[in-house]
């Protein structure tokens, strides 16, 4: 085994109910089975003060504009920047359930400038690979019929979010996966793509 293995930052993106958490947990288990240290982060991270403010807004206890919401999401990621950087420097595989592209996708869907959304995140560690688990908004609604937040209830918004994700995925460092397929098939594609980058 090499003395110091390079850390790797893998981000899962997609609509809610696309399987991000399931695939992130499966990838973490696979990385650990290969002897790699693996850290899993989910954004927004509700355990911080900023995270709690985001959670309140998503459930109607606060009324913020789309720009303020994205500033909160980005600030929430910056709270974890030191942890991510230290993990990567130590050779850890960091897996994120949502990361930079979420702000661009959801912000753009609300009419915000994607260049602004990207610019404000440029000092966060960039992912080595972003994995889009692509599902239709109707699939997301079907998979979670109750307790949906205000974004999850708006199918027209989710269609715009999906369009943004697909546009972003046409760039480099993305893996675009059909998330409608069986989860084992999706996992096999994810693991193969990440293993090739170790």
N, C-alpha and C. Protein backbone atom coordinates (compact mmCIF):
# COMPACT_ATOMS: atom_id res chain seq x y z
N UNK A 1 0.85 -1.19 0.00
CA UNK A 1 0.00 0.00 0.00
C UNK A 1 0.89 1.24 0.00
N UNK A 2 0.46 2.25 -0.76
CA UNK A 2 1.24 3.48 -0.80
C UNK A 2 1.22 4.15 0.57
N UNK A 3 2.34 4.84 0.89
CA UNK A 3 2.44 5.48 2.19
C UNK A 3 1.38 6.55 2.37
N UNK A 4 1.16 7.36 1.34
CA UNK A 4 0.14 8.40 1.47
C UNK A 4 -0.74 8.39 0.22
N UNK A 5 -1.98 7.95 0.41
CA UNK A 5 -2.92 7.95 -0.70
C UNK A 5 -3.60 9.30 -0.79
N UNK A 6 -3.90 9.68 -2.00
CA UNK A 6 -4.55 10.96 -2.26
C UNK A 6 -6.00 10.91 -1.78
N UNK A 7 -6.42 11.99 -1.13
CA UNK A 7 -7.83 12.10 -0.79
C UNK A 7 -8.66 12.31 -2.04
N UNK A 8 -9.94 12.05 -1.94
CA UNK A 8 -10.83 12.15 -3.08
C UNK A 8 -12.15 12.73 -2.58
N UNK A 9 -12.69 13.68 -3.32
CA UNK A 9 -13.97 14.30 -2.95
C UNK A 9 -15.02 13.92 -4.00
N UNK A 10 -16.02 13.19 -3.55
CA UNK A 10 -17.09 12.69 -4.42
C UNK A 10 -18.40 13.33 -3.98
N UNK A 11 -19.11 13.96 -4.91
CA UNK A 11 -20.38 14.60 -4.59
C UNK A 11 -21.53 13.92 -5.33
N UNK A 12 -22.59 13.60 -4.59
CA UNK A 12 -23.81 13.07 -5.19
C UNK A 12 -24.82 14.21 -5.33
N UNK A 13 -25.41 14.32 -6.51
CA UNK A 13 -26.40 15.35 -6.78
C UNK A 13 -27.63 14.72 -7.42
N UNK A 14 -28.73 15.45 -7.36
CA UNK A 14 -29.97 14.98 -7.95
C UNK A 14 -31.15 15.46 -7.13
N UNK A 15 -32.34 15.22 -7.64
CA UNK A 15 -33.55 15.59 -6.91
C UNK A 15 -33.65 14.76 -5.64
N UNK A 16 -34.45 15.25 -4.68
CA UNK A 16 -34.74 14.43 -3.51
C UNK A 16 -35.39 13.13 -3.96
N UNK A 17 -35.08 12.07 -3.26
CA UNK A 17 -35.57 10.71 -3.55
C UNK A 17 -34.88 10.07 -4.75
N UNK A 18 -33.78 10.65 -5.20
CA UNK A 18 -33.05 10.05 -6.34
C UNK A 18 -32.10 8.94 -5.90
N UNK A 19 -31.97 8.76 -4.57
CA UNK A 19 -31.10 7.70 -4.06
C UNK A 19 -29.74 8.17 -3.61
N UNK A 20 -29.58 9.50 -3.43
CA UNK A 20 -28.26 10.04 -3.07
C UNK A 20 -27.74 9.46 -1.76
N UNK A 21 -28.59 9.46 -0.72
CA UNK A 21 -28.13 8.97 0.58
C UNK A 21 -27.80 7.48 0.51
N UNK A 22 -28.65 6.70 -0.12
CA UNK A 22 -28.41 5.27 -0.26
C UNK A 22 -27.10 4.99 -0.98
N UNK A 23 -26.88 5.69 -2.09
CA UNK A 23 -25.67 5.46 -2.88
C UNK A 23 -24.43 5.98 -2.16
N UNK A 24 -24.57 7.09 -1.44
CA UNK A 24 -23.44 7.62 -0.67
C UNK A 24 -23.03 6.64 0.42
N UNK A 25 -24.02 6.05 1.09
CA UNK A 25 -23.72 5.08 2.15
C UNK A 25 -23.12 3.80 1.57
N UNK A 26 -23.61 3.38 0.42
CA UNK A 26 -23.07 2.18 -0.23
C UNK A 26 -21.63 2.42 -0.67
N UNK A 27 -21.37 3.61 -1.20
CA UNK A 27 -20.00 3.94 -1.62
C UNK A 27 -19.07 3.99 -0.41
N UNK A 28 -19.53 4.58 0.68
CA UNK A 28 -18.70 4.63 1.89
C UNK A 28 -18.34 3.22 2.35
N UNK A 29 -19.32 2.33 2.36
CA UNK A 29 -19.05 0.94 2.77
C UNK A 29 -18.04 0.29 1.84
N UNK A 30 -18.17 0.54 0.54
CA UNK A 30 -17.23 -0.04 -0.42
C UNK A 30 -15.82 0.50 -0.21
N UNK A 31 -15.70 1.81 0.00
CA UNK A 31 -14.38 2.41 0.21
C UNK A 31 -13.72 1.83 1.46
N UNK A 32 -14.52 1.66 2.51
CA UNK A 32 -13.97 1.10 3.75
C UNK A 32 -13.55 -0.35 3.56
N UNK A 33 -14.29 -1.09 2.72
CA UNK A 33 -13.92 -2.48 2.46
C UNK A 33 -12.60 -2.57 1.70
N UNK A 34 -12.23 -1.48 1.04
CA UNK A 34 -10.95 -1.42 0.31
C UNK A 34 -9.83 -0.88 1.19
N UNK A 35 -10.14 -0.62 2.45
CA UNK A 35 -9.13 -0.13 3.37
C UNK A 35 -8.96 1.38 3.35
N UNK A 36 -9.90 2.09 2.71
CA UNK A 36 -9.81 3.54 2.66
C UNK A 36 -10.63 4.17 3.79
N UNK A 37 -10.10 5.21 4.39
CA UNK A 37 -10.87 6.01 5.33
C UNK A 37 -11.86 6.82 4.52
N UNK A 38 -13.12 6.83 4.96
CA UNK A 38 -14.16 7.51 4.19
C UNK A 38 -15.06 8.29 5.12
N UNK A 39 -15.29 9.56 4.80
CA UNK A 39 -16.12 10.46 5.59
C UNK A 39 -17.33 10.83 4.75
N UNK A 40 -18.53 10.71 5.32
CA UNK A 40 -19.77 11.03 4.61
C UNK A 40 -20.40 12.28 5.21
N UNK A 41 -20.62 13.29 4.39
CA UNK A 41 -21.28 14.53 4.81
C UNK A 41 -22.56 14.71 4.01
N UNK A 42 -23.59 15.22 4.68
CA UNK A 42 -24.86 15.53 4.00
C UNK A 42 -25.13 17.01 4.15
N UNK A 43 -25.43 17.65 3.02
CA UNK A 43 -25.76 19.08 3.04
C UNK A 43 -27.19 19.29 2.56
N UNK A 44 -27.94 20.22 3.20
CA UNK A 44 -27.50 21.02 4.32
C UNK A 44 -27.25 20.18 5.57
N UNK A 45 -26.26 20.63 6.38
CA UNK A 45 -25.94 19.97 7.64
C UNK A 45 -26.72 20.71 8.73
N UNK A 46 -27.81 20.10 9.17
CA UNK A 46 -28.76 20.79 10.05
C UNK A 46 -28.27 20.95 11.49
N UNK A 47 -27.14 20.33 11.84
CA UNK A 47 -26.70 20.38 13.24
C UNK A 47 -26.00 21.68 13.61
N UNK A 48 -25.71 22.55 12.64
CA UNK A 48 -25.09 23.84 12.94
C UNK A 48 -26.17 24.92 13.06
N UNK A 49 -25.77 26.10 13.56
CA UNK A 49 -26.73 27.21 13.68
C UNK A 49 -27.27 27.60 12.31
N UNK A 50 -26.40 27.67 11.32
CA UNK A 50 -26.85 28.00 9.96
C UNK A 50 -27.75 26.89 9.42
N UNK A 51 -27.39 25.66 9.68
CA UNK A 51 -28.21 24.53 9.25
C UNK A 51 -29.60 24.56 9.85
N UNK A 52 -29.69 24.92 11.12
CA UNK A 52 -31.00 25.00 11.78
C UNK A 52 -31.85 26.12 11.17
N UNK A 53 -31.20 27.20 10.76
CA UNK A 53 -31.92 28.30 10.11
C UNK A 53 -32.47 27.83 8.76
N UNK A 54 -31.67 27.06 8.02
CA UNK A 54 -32.12 26.51 6.73
C UNK A 54 -33.33 25.60 6.95
N UNK A 55 -33.23 24.74 7.95
CA UNK A 55 -34.32 23.80 8.23
C UNK A 55 -35.61 24.55 8.57
N UNK A 56 -35.50 25.60 9.36
CA UNK A 56 -36.68 26.41 9.71
C UNK A 56 -37.31 27.01 8.47
N UNK A 57 -36.46 27.52 7.57
CA UNK A 57 -36.98 28.14 6.34
C UNK A 57 -37.66 27.11 5.44
N UNK A 58 -37.07 25.92 5.33
CA UNK A 58 -37.65 24.89 4.47
C UNK A 58 -39.02 24.42 4.95
N UNK A 59 -39.27 24.58 6.25
CA UNK A 59 -40.54 24.11 6.81
C UNK A 59 -41.48 25.25 7.19
N UNK A 60 -41.21 26.44 6.60
CA UNK A 60 -42.17 27.53 6.71
C UNK A 60 -42.05 28.43 7.93
N UNK A 61 -41.05 28.21 8.78
CA UNK A 61 -40.91 29.05 9.98
C UNK A 61 -40.18 30.36 9.68
N UNK A 62 -39.56 30.47 8.51
CA UNK A 62 -38.88 31.70 8.08
C UNK A 62 -39.28 31.97 6.63
N UNK A 63 -39.23 33.24 6.25
CA UNK A 63 -39.50 33.61 4.86
C UNK A 63 -38.28 34.33 4.30
N UNK A 64 -37.47 33.62 3.55
CA UNK A 64 -36.29 34.20 2.92
C UNK A 64 -36.45 34.13 1.41
N UNK A 65 -35.85 35.11 0.73
CA UNK A 65 -35.81 35.05 -0.72
C UNK A 65 -34.86 33.96 -1.18
N UNK A 66 -34.94 33.64 -2.47
CA UNK A 66 -34.10 32.58 -3.04
C UNK A 66 -32.62 32.90 -2.88
N UNK A 67 -32.25 34.20 -2.99
CA UNK A 67 -30.84 34.55 -2.86
C UNK A 67 -30.33 34.33 -1.44
N UNK A 68 -31.14 34.70 -0.45
CA UNK A 68 -30.74 34.49 0.95
C UNK A 68 -30.62 33.00 1.24
N UNK A 69 -31.54 32.20 0.73
CA UNK A 69 -31.47 30.75 0.95
C UNK A 69 -30.16 30.18 0.41
N UNK A 70 -29.77 30.60 -0.80
CA UNK A 70 -28.54 30.06 -1.37
C UNK A 70 -27.31 30.56 -0.60
N UNK A 71 -27.34 31.79 -0.10
CA UNK A 71 -26.23 32.26 0.73
C UNK A 71 -26.12 31.42 2.00
N UNK A 72 -27.25 31.03 2.57
CA UNK A 72 -27.24 30.17 3.75
C UNK A 72 -26.69 28.78 3.42
N UNK A 73 -27.13 28.22 2.30
CA UNK A 73 -26.62 26.90 1.90
C UNK A 73 -25.11 26.92 1.71
N UNK A 74 -24.63 27.96 1.03
CA UNK A 74 -23.19 28.06 0.78
C UNK A 74 -22.43 28.28 2.08
N UNK A 75 -22.96 29.14 2.95
CA UNK A 75 -22.32 29.37 4.25
C UNK A 75 -22.25 28.07 5.06
N UNK A 76 -23.27 27.26 4.96
CA UNK A 76 -23.30 25.97 5.65
C UNK A 76 -22.16 25.06 5.17
N UNK A 77 -21.87 25.10 3.87
CA UNK A 77 -20.75 24.31 3.35
C UNK A 77 -19.41 24.88 3.82
N UNK A 78 -19.31 26.20 3.86
CA UNK A 78 -18.07 26.82 4.33
C UNK A 78 -17.77 26.45 5.78
N UNK A 79 -18.83 26.21 6.57
CA UNK A 79 -18.61 25.76 7.95
C UNK A 79 -17.81 24.46 7.98
N UNK A 80 -17.95 23.65 6.96
CA UNK A 80 -17.29 22.35 6.90
C UNK A 80 -16.01 22.36 6.08
N UNK A 81 -15.65 23.52 5.53
CA UNK A 81 -14.45 23.59 4.70
C UNK A 81 -13.19 23.09 5.42
N UNK A 82 -12.92 23.52 6.66
CA UNK A 82 -11.70 23.02 7.34
C UNK A 82 -11.71 21.50 7.50
N UNK A 83 -12.86 20.95 7.83
CA UNK A 83 -12.96 19.49 8.00
C UNK A 83 -12.70 18.77 6.68
N UNK A 84 -13.28 19.28 5.60
CA UNK A 84 -13.09 18.65 4.29
C UNK A 84 -11.63 18.74 3.87
N UNK A 85 -11.04 19.92 4.01
CA UNK A 85 -9.64 20.09 3.60
C UNK A 85 -8.71 19.19 4.41
N UNK A 86 -8.93 19.09 5.72
CA UNK A 86 -8.08 18.24 6.55
C UNK A 86 -8.23 16.78 6.17
N UNK A 87 -9.47 16.37 5.89
CA UNK A 87 -9.71 14.97 5.51
C UNK A 87 -9.01 14.65 4.20
N UNK A 88 -9.15 15.52 3.22
CA UNK A 88 -8.52 15.28 1.91
C UNK A 88 -6.99 15.25 2.04
N UNK A 89 -6.45 16.16 2.86
CA UNK A 89 -5.00 16.21 3.06
C UNK A 89 -4.49 14.92 3.71
N UNK A 90 -5.35 14.28 4.51
CA UNK A 90 -4.97 13.04 5.18
C UNK A 90 -5.26 11.78 4.37
N UNK A 91 -5.70 11.95 3.12
CA UNK A 91 -5.94 10.79 2.26
C UNK A 91 -7.32 10.19 2.36
N UNK A 92 -8.23 10.88 3.03
CA UNK A 92 -9.59 10.38 3.20
C UNK A 92 -10.42 10.57 1.93
N UNK A 93 -11.31 9.63 1.67
CA UNK A 93 -12.31 9.79 0.62
C UNK A 93 -13.50 10.49 1.28
N UNK A 94 -13.83 11.69 0.82
CA UNK A 94 -14.95 12.45 1.36
C UNK A 94 -16.12 12.33 0.39
N UNK A 95 -17.23 11.83 0.88
CA UNK A 95 -18.44 11.65 0.08
C UNK A 95 -19.48 12.65 0.57
N UNK A 96 -20.02 13.46 -0.33
CA UNK A 96 -21.03 14.46 0.02
C UNK A 96 -22.37 14.13 -0.62
N UNK A 97 -23.40 14.11 0.21
CA UNK A 97 -24.78 14.01 -0.26
C UNK A 97 -25.24 15.46 -0.45
N UNK A 98 -25.17 15.95 -1.67
CA UNK A 98 -25.34 17.32 -2.10
C UNK A 98 -24.07 18.11 -1.82
N UNK A 99 -23.72 18.98 -2.80
CA UNK A 99 -22.55 19.83 -2.61
C UNK A 99 -22.71 21.08 -3.48
N UNK A 100 -21.67 21.49 -4.18
CA UNK A 100 -21.66 22.77 -4.89
C UNK A 100 -22.78 22.89 -5.93
N UNK A 101 -23.00 21.84 -6.69
CA UNK A 101 -23.94 21.91 -7.82
C UNK A 101 -25.38 22.11 -7.38
N UNK A 102 -25.70 21.74 -6.13
CA UNK A 102 -27.07 21.92 -5.65
C UNK A 102 -27.46 23.39 -5.63
N UNK A 103 -26.54 24.25 -5.17
CA UNK A 103 -26.87 25.68 -5.15
C UNK A 103 -27.09 26.23 -6.54
N UNK A 104 -26.28 25.76 -7.48
CA UNK A 104 -26.46 26.22 -8.86
C UNK A 104 -27.79 25.73 -9.41
N UNK A 105 -28.10 24.46 -9.20
CA UNK A 105 -29.33 23.89 -9.75
C UNK A 105 -30.58 24.52 -9.14
N UNK A 106 -30.65 24.58 -7.82
CA UNK A 106 -31.84 25.11 -7.17
C UNK A 106 -31.91 26.63 -7.30
N UNK A 107 -30.75 27.30 -7.21
CA UNK A 107 -30.73 28.75 -7.38
C UNK A 107 -31.13 29.16 -8.79
N UNK A 108 -30.57 28.47 -9.78
CA UNK A 108 -30.91 28.76 -11.18
C UNK A 108 -32.40 28.51 -11.42
N UNK A 109 -32.93 27.47 -10.81
CA UNK A 109 -34.36 27.16 -10.97
C UNK A 109 -35.24 28.26 -10.39
N UNK A 110 -34.70 29.02 -9.45
CA UNK A 110 -35.42 30.16 -8.86
C UNK A 110 -35.10 31.48 -9.55
N UNK A 111 -34.36 31.42 -10.66
CA UNK A 111 -34.09 32.62 -11.43
C UNK A 111 -32.81 33.35 -11.08
N UNK A 112 -31.96 32.75 -10.23
CA UNK A 112 -30.69 33.38 -9.87
C UNK A 112 -29.64 33.10 -10.94
N UNK A 113 -28.61 33.94 -10.95
CA UNK A 113 -27.54 33.83 -11.94
C UNK A 113 -26.61 32.67 -11.59
N UNK A 114 -26.49 31.66 -12.46
CA UNK A 114 -25.63 30.52 -12.14
C UNK A 114 -24.16 30.91 -11.99
N UNK A 115 -23.73 31.96 -12.69
CA UNK A 115 -22.33 32.40 -12.55
C UNK A 115 -22.08 32.94 -11.14
N UNK A 116 -23.03 33.69 -10.60
CA UNK A 116 -22.92 34.19 -9.22
C UNK A 116 -22.90 33.04 -8.23
N UNK A 117 -23.77 32.07 -8.46
CA UNK A 117 -23.86 30.91 -7.56
C UNK A 117 -22.57 30.10 -7.58
N UNK A 118 -21.94 30.03 -8.72
CA UNK A 118 -20.67 29.32 -8.84
C UNK A 118 -19.53 30.11 -8.22
N UNK A 119 -19.51 31.42 -8.50
CA UNK A 119 -18.43 32.29 -8.02
C UNK A 119 -18.32 32.28 -6.50
N UNK A 120 -19.47 32.32 -5.80
CA UNK A 120 -19.43 32.41 -4.34
C UNK A 120 -18.91 31.13 -3.69
N UNK A 121 -18.80 30.06 -4.47
CA UNK A 121 -18.34 28.79 -3.93
C UNK A 121 -16.93 28.42 -4.38
N UNK A 122 -16.25 29.35 -5.07
CA UNK A 122 -14.97 28.98 -5.69
C UNK A 122 -13.87 28.67 -4.68
N UNK A 123 -14.02 29.13 -3.43
CA UNK A 123 -13.00 28.83 -2.43
C UNK A 123 -13.30 27.58 -1.61
N UNK A 124 -14.35 26.87 -1.96
CA UNK A 124 -14.61 25.55 -1.37
C UNK A 124 -13.85 24.50 -2.18
N UNK A 125 -13.42 23.41 -1.53
CA UNK A 125 -12.72 22.36 -2.29
C UNK A 125 -13.62 21.84 -3.42
N UNK A 126 -13.08 21.74 -4.60
CA UNK A 126 -13.85 21.24 -5.74
C UNK A 126 -13.90 19.72 -5.74
N UNK A 127 -15.02 19.14 -6.17
CA UNK A 127 -15.12 17.68 -6.22
C UNK A 127 -14.26 17.08 -7.33
N UNK A 128 -13.69 15.91 -7.06
CA UNK A 128 -12.99 15.15 -8.10
C UNK A 128 -13.98 14.51 -9.06
N UNK A 129 -15.17 14.21 -8.54
CA UNK A 129 -16.23 13.61 -9.35
C UNK A 129 -17.57 14.01 -8.76
N UNK A 130 -18.48 14.48 -9.61
CA UNK A 130 -19.86 14.74 -9.21
C UNK A 130 -20.74 13.73 -9.92
N UNK A 131 -21.57 13.04 -9.16
CA UNK A 131 -22.43 11.98 -9.70
C UNK A 131 -23.87 12.46 -9.69
N UNK A 132 -24.46 12.61 -10.86
CA UNK A 132 -25.86 13.00 -10.97
C UNK A 132 -26.72 11.74 -11.05
N UNK A 133 -27.57 11.56 -10.06
CA UNK A 133 -28.56 10.48 -10.07
C UNK A 133 -29.84 11.10 -10.63
N UNK A 134 -30.07 10.89 -11.89
CA UNK A 134 -31.09 11.60 -12.65
C UNK A 134 -32.43 10.87 -12.60
N UNK A 135 -33.44 11.52 -12.00
CA UNK A 135 -34.80 10.98 -12.00
C UNK A 135 -35.77 12.08 -12.40
N UNK A 136 -36.95 11.69 -12.83
CA UNK A 136 -37.99 12.65 -13.18
C UNK A 136 -38.63 13.22 -11.91
N UNK A 137 -39.11 14.47 -11.95
CA UNK A 137 -39.80 15.04 -10.79
C UNK A 137 -40.97 14.18 -10.32
N UNK A 138 -41.67 13.56 -11.27
CA UNK A 138 -42.81 12.70 -10.90
C UNK A 138 -42.35 11.49 -10.10
N UNK A 139 -41.16 10.98 -10.41
CA UNK A 139 -40.60 9.86 -9.65
C UNK A 139 -40.29 10.29 -8.23
N UNK A 140 -39.72 11.49 -8.09
CA UNK A 140 -39.41 12.02 -6.75
C UNK A 140 -40.68 12.14 -5.92
N UNK A 141 -41.76 12.65 -6.53
CA UNK A 141 -43.02 12.81 -5.81
C UNK A 141 -43.63 11.47 -5.43
N UNK A 142 -43.50 10.50 -6.32
CA UNK A 142 -44.05 9.17 -6.06
C UNK A 142 -43.30 8.46 -4.93
N UNK A 143 -41.99 8.67 -4.87
CA UNK A 143 -41.17 7.99 -3.85
C UNK A 143 -41.36 8.58 -2.47
N UNK A 144 -41.82 9.83 -2.40
CA UNK A 144 -42.06 10.46 -1.10
C UNK A 144 -43.39 11.20 -1.18
N UNK A 145 -44.44 10.55 -0.73
CA UNK A 145 -45.78 11.11 -0.88
C UNK A 145 -46.15 12.07 0.25
N UNK A 146 -45.48 11.95 1.41
CA UNK A 146 -45.85 12.76 2.57
C UNK A 146 -44.64 13.53 3.10
N UNK A 147 -44.95 14.55 3.91
CA UNK A 147 -43.92 15.36 4.60
C UNK A 147 -42.90 15.97 3.64
N UNK A 148 -43.37 16.40 2.49
CA UNK A 148 -42.47 17.04 1.53
C UNK A 148 -42.31 18.51 1.88
N UNK A 149 -41.06 19.03 1.76
CA UNK A 149 -40.85 20.44 2.03
C UNK A 149 -41.33 21.26 0.82
N UNK A 150 -41.19 22.59 0.93
CA UNK A 150 -41.80 23.45 -0.11
C UNK A 150 -41.18 23.24 -1.48
N UNK A 151 -39.89 22.86 -1.55
CA UNK A 151 -39.28 22.58 -2.84
C UNK A 151 -39.81 21.27 -3.41
N UNK A 152 -39.94 20.28 -2.55
CA UNK A 152 -40.36 18.94 -3.01
C UNK A 152 -41.79 18.92 -3.54
N UNK A 153 -42.60 19.90 -3.14
CA UNK A 153 -44.00 19.93 -3.58
C UNK A 153 -44.18 20.62 -4.92
N UNK A 154 -43.16 21.29 -5.41
CA UNK A 154 -43.26 22.11 -6.63
C UNK A 154 -42.63 21.38 -7.82
N UNK A 155 -43.47 20.65 -8.57
CA UNK A 155 -42.94 19.83 -9.67
C UNK A 155 -42.36 20.68 -10.80
N UNK A 156 -42.93 21.85 -11.05
CA UNK A 156 -42.38 22.72 -12.10
C UNK A 156 -40.98 23.20 -11.71
N UNK A 157 -40.80 23.52 -10.44
CA UNK A 157 -39.48 23.91 -9.94
C UNK A 157 -38.50 22.75 -10.11
N UNK A 158 -38.94 21.56 -9.72
CA UNK A 158 -38.05 20.39 -9.80
C UNK A 158 -37.65 20.10 -11.25
N UNK A 159 -38.55 20.36 -12.19
CA UNK A 159 -38.20 20.17 -13.60
C UNK A 159 -37.09 21.13 -14.01
N UNK A 160 -37.14 22.36 -13.51
CA UNK A 160 -36.08 23.33 -13.81
C UNK A 160 -34.77 22.95 -13.12
N UNK A 161 -34.87 22.42 -11.91
CA UNK A 161 -33.68 21.94 -11.19
C UNK A 161 -33.02 20.82 -11.99
N UNK A 162 -33.84 19.89 -12.47
CA UNK A 162 -33.31 18.77 -13.25
C UNK A 162 -32.62 19.27 -14.52
N UNK A 163 -33.23 20.25 -15.18
CA UNK A 163 -32.63 20.81 -16.39
C UNK A 163 -31.25 21.42 -16.09
N UNK A 164 -31.14 22.12 -14.96
CA UNK A 164 -29.86 22.71 -14.58
C UNK A 164 -28.82 21.62 -14.30
N UNK A 165 -29.22 20.60 -13.56
CA UNK A 165 -28.29 19.50 -13.28
C UNK A 165 -27.79 18.87 -14.58
N UNK A 166 -28.70 18.65 -15.51
CA UNK A 166 -28.30 18.03 -16.78
C UNK A 166 -27.35 18.92 -17.57
N UNK A 167 -27.59 20.23 -17.53
CA UNK A 167 -26.69 21.16 -18.19
C UNK A 167 -25.30 21.12 -17.55
N UNK A 168 -25.28 21.14 -16.21
CA UNK A 168 -24.00 21.09 -15.50
C UNK A 168 -23.26 19.78 -15.78
N UNK A 169 -24.01 18.69 -15.85
CA UNK A 169 -23.40 17.37 -16.03
C UNK A 169 -22.76 17.21 -17.40
N UNK A 170 -23.10 18.10 -18.32
CA UNK A 170 -22.49 18.04 -19.65
C UNK A 170 -21.04 18.53 -19.62
N UNK A 171 -20.65 19.15 -18.50
CA UNK A 171 -19.27 19.60 -18.35
C UNK A 171 -18.36 18.46 -17.89
N UNK A 172 -17.15 18.80 -17.47
CA UNK A 172 -16.19 17.78 -17.05
C UNK A 172 -16.42 17.31 -15.62
N UNK A 173 -15.79 16.21 -15.25
CA UNK A 173 -15.80 15.67 -13.88
C UNK A 173 -17.20 15.30 -13.37
N UNK A 174 -18.08 14.88 -14.28
CA UNK A 174 -19.42 14.44 -13.89
C UNK A 174 -19.66 13.02 -14.41
N UNK A 175 -20.46 12.28 -13.66
CA UNK A 175 -20.99 11.00 -14.11
C UNK A 175 -22.51 11.11 -14.06
N UNK A 176 -23.16 10.99 -15.22
CA UNK A 176 -24.61 11.14 -15.33
C UNK A 176 -25.22 9.73 -15.34
N UNK A 177 -25.97 9.40 -14.28
CA UNK A 177 -26.52 8.06 -14.12
C UNK A 177 -28.04 8.11 -14.12
N UNK A 178 -28.67 7.16 -14.81
CA UNK A 178 -30.12 7.02 -14.79
C UNK A 178 -30.54 6.47 -13.42
N UNK A 179 -31.08 7.36 -12.58
CA UNK A 179 -31.47 6.97 -11.23
C UNK A 179 -32.79 6.24 -11.14
N UNK A 180 -33.43 6.04 -12.28
CA UNK A 180 -34.69 5.29 -12.29
C UNK A 180 -34.43 3.77 -12.23
N UNK A 181 -33.17 3.37 -12.49
CA UNK A 181 -32.85 1.94 -12.55
C UNK A 181 -32.75 1.31 -11.16
N UNK A 182 -32.62 0.00 -11.14
CA UNK A 182 -32.43 -0.74 -9.90
C UNK A 182 -31.21 -0.20 -9.15
N UNK A 183 -31.34 -0.08 -7.82
CA UNK A 183 -30.26 0.54 -7.04
C UNK A 183 -28.95 -0.23 -7.11
N UNK A 184 -29.01 -1.55 -7.29
CA UNK A 184 -27.78 -2.34 -7.39
C UNK A 184 -27.02 -2.01 -8.66
N UNK A 185 -27.75 -1.76 -9.76
CA UNK A 185 -27.10 -1.38 -11.01
C UNK A 185 -26.47 0.00 -10.89
N UNK A 186 -27.19 0.90 -10.23
CA UNK A 186 -26.65 2.25 -10.01
C UNK A 186 -25.38 2.16 -9.16
N UNK A 187 -25.43 1.37 -8.09
CA UNK A 187 -24.26 1.21 -7.21
C UNK A 187 -23.05 0.68 -7.97
N UNK A 188 -23.29 -0.28 -8.84
CA UNK A 188 -22.17 -0.86 -9.60
C UNK A 188 -21.50 0.20 -10.47
N UNK A 189 -22.30 1.06 -11.10
CA UNK A 189 -21.74 2.13 -11.93
C UNK A 189 -20.98 3.14 -11.08
N UNK A 190 -21.54 3.49 -9.93
CA UNK A 190 -20.89 4.46 -9.04
C UNK A 190 -19.55 3.92 -8.54
N UNK A 191 -19.55 2.70 -8.05
CA UNK A 191 -18.34 2.11 -7.47
C UNK A 191 -17.24 1.97 -8.53
N UNK A 192 -17.63 1.56 -9.73
CA UNK A 192 -16.64 1.42 -10.80
C UNK A 192 -16.02 2.77 -11.15
N UNK A 193 -16.84 3.81 -11.19
CA UNK A 193 -16.34 5.14 -11.55
C UNK A 193 -15.40 5.68 -10.48
N UNK A 194 -15.74 5.48 -9.22
CA UNK A 194 -14.88 5.99 -8.14
C UNK A 194 -13.62 5.16 -8.03
N UNK A 195 -13.74 3.83 -8.13
CA UNK A 195 -12.57 2.96 -8.03
C UNK A 195 -11.52 3.29 -9.08
N UNK A 196 -11.98 3.72 -10.25
CA UNK A 196 -11.04 4.05 -11.34
C UNK A 196 -10.25 5.32 -11.03
N UNK A 197 -10.70 6.08 -10.03
CA UNK A 197 -10.02 7.34 -9.67
C UNK A 197 -9.16 7.21 -8.42
N UNK A 198 -9.17 6.04 -7.80
CA UNK A 198 -8.38 5.86 -6.56
C UNK A 198 -6.88 5.82 -6.88
